[in-house]
C-alpha atoms as a PDB file:
ATOM      1  CA  UNK A   1     -94.931  13.298-140.181  1.00  0.00           C
ATOM      2  CA  UNK A   2     -97.747  11.375-138.513  1.00  0.00           C
ATOM      3  CA  UNK A   3     -96.914  10.898-134.846  1.00  0.00           C
ATOM      4  CA  UNK A   4    -100.143   9.386-133.462  1.00  0.00           C
ATOM      5  CA  UNK A   5    -102.043   6.581-135.204  1.00  0.00           C
ATOM      6  CA  UNK A   6    -105.202   5.120-133.662  1.00  0.00           C
ATOM      7  CA  UNK A   7    -106.895   1.906-134.765  1.00  0.00           C
ATOM      8  CA  UNK A   8    -109.302  -0.792-133.625  1.00  0.00           C
ATOM      9  CA  UNK A   9    -112.631   1.008-133.674  1.00  0.00           C
ATOM     10  CA  UNK A  10    -115.785  -0.341-135.210  1.00  0.00           C
ATOM     11  CA  UNK A  11    -119.484  -1.027-134.835  1.00  0.00           C
ATOM     12  CA  UNK A  12    -120.538  -3.167-131.880  1.00  0.00           C
ATOM     13  CA  UNK A  13    -123.756  -3.955-130.054  1.00  0.00           C
ATOM     14  CA  UNK A  14    -124.379  -2.795-126.488  1.00  0.00           C
ATOM     15  CA  UNK A  15    -122.510  -5.057-124.092  1.00  0.00           C
ATOM     16  CA  UNK A  16    -119.828  -5.823-126.646  1.00  0.00           C
ATOM     17  CA  UNK A  17    -116.085  -5.228-126.510  1.00  0.00           C
ATOM     18  CA  UNK A  18    -113.381  -3.529-128.546  1.00  0.00           C
ATOM     19  CA  UNK A  19    -109.647  -3.089-128.123  1.00  0.00           C
ATOM     20  CA  UNK A  20    -108.144   0.144-129.399  1.00  0.00           C
ATOM     21  CA  UNK A  21    -104.480   0.665-130.196  1.00  0.00           C
ATOM     22  CA  UNK A  22    -102.405   3.805-130.551  1.00  0.00           C
ATOM     23  CA  UNK A  23     -98.907   3.828-131.963  1.00  0.00           C
ATOM     24  CA  UNK A  24     -96.777   6.877-131.262  1.00  0.00           C
ATOM     25  CA  UNK A  25     -93.293   7.870-132.280  1.00  0.00           C
ATOM     26  CA  UNK A  26     -90.676   6.898-129.756  1.00  0.00           C
ATOM     27  CA  UNK A  27     -89.701  10.463-128.945  1.00  0.00           C
ATOM     28  CA  UNK A  28     -93.331  11.254-128.090  1.00  0.00           C
ATOM     29  CA  UNK A  29     -94.068   8.047-126.198  1.00  0.00           C
ATOM     30  CA  UNK A  30     -91.036   7.200-124.118  1.00  0.00           C
ATOM     31  CA  UNK A  31     -91.174   8.408-120.538  1.00  0.00           C
ATOM     32  CA  UNK A  32     -94.502  10.190-120.980  1.00  0.00           C
ATOM     33  CA  UNK A  33     -97.980   9.752-119.607  1.00  0.00           C
ATOM     34  CA  UNK A  34    -100.360   8.779-122.413  1.00  0.00           C
ATOM     35  CA  UNK A  35    -104.116   9.115-122.515  1.00  0.00           C
ATOM     36  CA  UNK A  36    -107.207   8.204-124.462  1.00  0.00           C
ATOM     37  CA  UNK A  37    -109.704  10.943-125.278  1.00  0.00           C
ATOM     38  CA  UNK A  38    -113.076  10.809-126.967  1.00  0.00           C
ATOM     39  CA  UNK A  39    -115.361  13.249-128.698  1.00  0.00           C
ATOM     40  CA  UNK A  40    -119.040  12.578-129.305  1.00  0.00           C
ATOM     41  CA  UNK A  41    -121.111  14.612-131.784  1.00  0.00           C
ATOM     42  CA  UNK A  42    -121.823  18.086-130.435  1.00  0.00           C
ATOM     43  CA  UNK A  43    -119.585  17.621-127.404  1.00  0.00           C
ATOM     44  CA  UNK A  44    -116.068  18.604-126.437  1.00  0.00           C
ATOM     45  CA  UNK A  45    -113.161  16.200-126.401  1.00  0.00           C
ATOM     46  CA  UNK A  46    -112.742  14.673-122.941  1.00  0.00           C
ATOM     47  CA  UNK A  47    -110.133  12.519-121.248  1.00  0.00           C
ATOM     48  CA  UNK A  48    -111.261   8.917-120.806  1.00  0.00           C
ATOM     49  CA  UNK A  49    -108.203   7.274-119.277  1.00  0.00           C
ATOM     50  CA  UNK A  50    -104.480   7.786-118.908  1.00  0.00           C
ATOM     51  CA  UNK A  51    -101.428   5.775-117.918  1.00  0.00           C
ATOM     52  CA  UNK A  52     -98.003   6.884-116.760  1.00  0.00           C
ATOM     53  CA  UNK A  53     -94.773   5.430-118.047  1.00  0.00           C
ATOM     54  CA  UNK A  54     -94.645   3.376-114.855  1.00  0.00           C
ATOM     55  CA  UNK A  55     -98.162   1.982-115.234  1.00  0.00           C
ATOM     56  CA  UNK A  56    -100.249   4.122-112.874  1.00  0.00           C
ATOM     57  CA  UNK A  57    -103.737   4.635-114.288  1.00  0.00           C
ATOM     58  CA  UNK A  58    -106.630   7.070-114.174  1.00  0.00           C
ATOM     59  CA  UNK A  59    -110.176   6.573-115.446  1.00  0.00           C
ATOM     60  CA  UNK A  60    -113.099   8.893-115.896  1.00  0.00           C
ATOM     61  CA  UNK A  61    -116.051   7.914-113.731  1.00  0.00           C
ATOM     62  CA  UNK A  62    -118.122   7.142-116.808  1.00  0.00           C
ATOM     63  CA  UNK A  63    -115.833   4.267-117.853  1.00  0.00           C
ATOM     64  CA  UNK A  64    -114.388   3.043-114.566  1.00  0.00           C
ATOM     65  CA  UNK A  65    -114.791  -0.695-114.172  1.00  0.00           C
ATOM     66  CA  UNK A  66    -115.459  -1.208-117.877  1.00  0.00           C
ATOM     67  CA  UNK A  67    -112.338   0.118-119.637  1.00  0.00           C
ATOM     68  CA  UNK A  68    -108.701  -0.806-119.065  1.00  0.00           C
ATOM     69  CA  UNK A  69    -105.754   1.215-120.341  1.00  0.00           C
ATOM     70  CA  UNK A  70    -102.356  -0.405-120.806  1.00  0.00           C
ATOM     71  CA  UNK A  71     -99.107   0.213-122.652  1.00  0.00           C
ATOM     72  CA  UNK A  72     -96.239  -1.639-124.244  1.00  0.00           C
ATOM     73  CA  UNK A  73     -93.230   0.615-123.992  1.00  0.00           C
ATOM     74  CA  UNK A  74     -91.151  -1.584-126.281  1.00  0.00           C
ATOM     75  CA  UNK A  75     -93.716  -1.099-129.063  1.00  0.00           C
ATOM     76  CA  UNK A  76     -94.500   2.566-128.366  1.00  0.00           C
ATOM     77  CA  UNK A  77     -98.145   1.545-128.129  1.00  0.00           C
ATOM     78  CA  UNK A  78    -100.988   2.316-125.737  1.00  0.00           C
ATOM     79  CA  UNK A  79    -104.158   0.225-125.647  1.00  0.00           C
ATOM     80  CA  UNK A  80    -107.707   0.686-124.457  1.00  0.00           C
ATOM     81  CA  UNK A  81    -109.700  -2.458-123.735  1.00  0.00           C
ATOM     82  CA  UNK A  82    -113.379  -1.528-123.718  1.00  0.00           C
ATOM     83  CA  UNK A  83    -115.901  -3.960-122.259  1.00  0.00           C
ATOM     84  CA  UNK A  84    -119.623  -3.711-121.534  1.00  0.00           C
ATOM     85  CA  UNK A  85    -119.950  -0.975-124.118  1.00  0.00           C
ATOM     86  CA  UNK A  86    -122.918   1.369-123.963  1.00  0.00           C
ATOM     87  CA  UNK A  87    -124.492   3.595-126.628  1.00  0.00           C
ATOM     88  CA  UNK A  88    -123.156   6.642-124.786  1.00  0.00           C
ATOM     89  CA  UNK A  89    -119.618   5.386-125.471  1.00  0.00           C
ATOM     90  CA  UNK A  90    -120.147   6.199-129.145  1.00  0.00           C
ATOM     91  CA  UNK A  91    -117.477   8.709-130.166  1.00  0.00           C
ATOM     92  CA  UNK A  92    -114.257   9.203-132.043  1.00  0.00           C
ATOM     93  CA  UNK A  93    -111.425   8.028-129.823  1.00  0.00           C
ATOM     94  CA  UNK A  94    -108.015   9.689-129.883  1.00  0.00           C
ATOM     95  CA  UNK A  95    -104.730   9.180-128.088  1.00  0.00           C
ATOM     96  CA  UNK A  96    -102.379  11.893-126.968  1.00  0.00           C
ATOM     97  CA  UNK A  97    -100.178  12.795-124.051  1.00  0.00           C
ATOM     98  CA  UNK A  98    -101.624  13.811-120.694  1.00  0.00           C
ATOM     99  CA  UNK A  99    -103.708  16.957-120.372  1.00  0.00           C
ATOM    100  CA  UNK A 100    -100.766  19.159-119.399  1.00  0.00           C
ATOM    101  CA  UNK A 101     -98.596  18.033-122.321  1.00  0.00           C
ATOM    102  CA  UNK A 102    -101.026  17.522-125.218  1.00  0.00           C
ATOM    103  CA  UNK A 103     -99.489  17.523-128.676  1.00  0.00           C
ATOM    104  CA  UNK A 104    -100.906  20.144-131.008  1.00  0.00           C
ATOM    105  CA  UNK A 105    -101.315  17.719-133.919  1.00  0.00           C
ATOM    106  CA  UNK A 106    -103.950  15.100-133.119  1.00  0.00           C
ATOM    107  CA  UNK A 107    -104.258  11.886-135.071  1.00  0.00           C
ATOM    108  CA  UNK A 108    -107.311  10.995-137.152  1.00  0.00           C
ATOM    109  CA  UNK A 109    -108.833   9.021-134.295  1.00  0.00           C
ATOM    110  CA  UNK A 110    -110.829   5.818-134.579  1.00  0.00           C
ATOM    111  CA  UNK A 111    -114.628   5.676-134.641  1.00  0.00           C
ATOM    112  CA  UNK A 112    -116.434   3.596-132.030  1.00  0.00           C
ATOM    113  CA  UNK A 113    -120.154   3.110-132.574  1.00  0.00           C
ATOM    114  CA  UNK A 114    -122.267   1.208-130.058  1.00  0.00           C
ATOM    115  CA  UNK A 115    -125.715   0.474-131.410  1.00  0.00           C
ATOM    116  CA  UNK A 116    -128.232  -2.326-131.712  1.00  0.00           C
END
C-alpha cells in the first residue's frame, strides 16, 4: 500500500512560491521526524528540511530563509512552503522520515520546476 503521497508541485517563475504537501500513514507519521528531500537531474537525493514531532526544524543552507517546513499531526501531513524560488530549486521533491529512519519505499514525489 502507498504510504507516502506528495503533491503541490508545478511550474513557477523565479521568485515565485509553492506549497508542497505530503500525506503519510499514521503508523509512519506519528511520533517521527519527517523530512523533505529533493533530487535534481544527474544528482543524488539530498535532505532539504526536516521537522520533529515536537516542531523542531532543520534546513539545508541552500534553502534557509526561503523554505519553511511544518506539520499537522492530526492530518498526518507535512508541508513545505517554498518562497523566493530559484532555478536551482528545480527537482523532484519527496518526503520521508529522517535520514536515520528512511523508509525503503519512496513515494512518486512531486516535480518542482522553476523557470522563466
